[in-house]
């Protein structure tokens, strides 16, 4: 996972996950232990962070301005 700035991921799957929307960008929180097990810690639609399979997301690299706009929109 990226070390600088915030990390975001595009949701491409949401099977059995009511708090994820396909084609939406989510903020990730660092969790090395979860990553080792194949999961990402995601701030979902509930506003809380939960673990979801890495296969549900594609990491995206956003310009600093876009990161700030997403952070302020929360």
Protein backbone atom coordinates (compact mmCIF):
# COMPACT_ATOMS: atom_id res chain seq x y z
CA UNK A 1 0.00 0.00 0.00
CA UNK A 2 1.10 3.58 -0.66
CA UNK A 3 2.99 5.21 2.19
CA UNK A 4 2.52 8.89 1.26
CA UNK A 5 -0.81 10.66 1.55
CA UNK A 6 -4.12 8.90 1.78
CA UNK A 7 -4.84 5.70 -0.10
CA UNK A 8 -8.06 5.13 -1.97
CA UNK A 9 -9.62 2.18 -3.74
CA UNK A 10 -12.33 1.74 -6.34
CA UNK A 11 -14.96 -0.84 -5.38
CA UNK A 12 -15.43 -3.39 -8.17
CA UNK A 13 -17.37 -6.05 -6.21
CA UNK A 14 -19.76 -5.93 -3.25
CA UNK A 15 -21.11 -9.47 -2.91
CA UNK A 16 -22.96 -9.80 0.42
CA UNK A 17 -21.76 -6.32 1.52
CA UNK A 18 -24.60 -3.84 1.96
CA UNK A 19 -22.19 -1.06 3.00
CA UNK A 20 -20.20 -1.02 -0.27
CA UNK A 21 -21.25 0.46 -3.62
CA UNK A 22 -19.70 -0.70 -6.88
CA UNK A 23 -17.88 2.03 -8.86
CA UNK A 24 -17.41 4.16 -5.74
CA UNK A 25 -14.05 5.30 -4.33
CA UNK A 26 -13.33 4.49 -0.68
CA UNK A 27 -10.62 5.61 1.70
CA UNK A 28 -8.36 2.87 3.05
CA UNK A 29 -6.71 2.75 6.44
CA UNK A 30 -3.32 1.09 6.93
CA UNK A 31 -3.57 -2.44 8.35
CA UNK A 32 -0.55 -4.58 7.49
CA UNK A 33 -1.89 -7.64 9.34
CA UNK A 34 -5.15 -7.55 7.38
CA UNK A 35 -3.25 -7.13 4.10
CA UNK A 36 -1.21 -10.26 4.88
CA UNK A 37 -4.52 -12.15 5.12
CA UNK A 38 -5.88 -10.68 1.86
CA UNK A 39 -8.08 -7.94 3.30
CA UNK A 40 -8.21 -4.15 3.22
CA UNK A 41 -9.48 -1.88 6.00
CA UNK A 42 -12.05 0.36 4.30
CA UNK A 43 -14.17 3.25 5.56
CA UNK A 44 -17.49 2.10 4.12
CA UNK A 45 -20.97 3.65 3.73
CA UNK A 46 -21.62 3.29 7.47
CA UNK A 47 -18.74 5.72 8.11
CA UNK A 48 -16.91 3.04 10.08
CA UNK A 49 -13.87 1.03 9.03
CA UNK A 50 -14.24 -2.68 8.31
CA UNK A 51 -12.22 -5.39 6.63
CA UNK A 52 -13.17 -6.43 3.10
CA UNK A 53 -11.49 -8.80 0.63
CA UNK A 54 -8.76 -7.10 -1.44
CA UNK A 55 -10.37 -8.61 -4.54
CA UNK A 56 -13.33 -6.25 -4.08
CA UNK A 57 -11.12 -3.23 -4.84
CA UNK A 58 -8.62 -1.74 -7.26
CA UNK A 59 -6.17 0.72 -5.70
CA UNK A 60 -6.28 4.17 -7.28
CA UNK A 61 -3.66 6.91 -7.15
CA UNK A 62 -5.32 10.31 -6.90
CA UNK A 63 -3.77 13.77 -7.19
CA UNK A 64 -3.38 15.56 -3.86
CA UNK A 65 -6.26 17.95 -4.77
CA UNK A 66 -8.63 15.02 -5.34
CA UNK A 67 -7.57 13.40 -2.06
CA UNK A 68 -8.30 16.63 -0.19
CA UNK A 69 -11.69 17.04 -1.89
CA UNK A 70 -12.67 13.47 -0.93
CA UNK A 71 -11.47 13.95 2.63
CA UNK A 72 -13.56 17.13 3.00
CA UNK A 73 -16.63 15.46 1.48
CA UNK A 74 -16.81 12.91 4.31
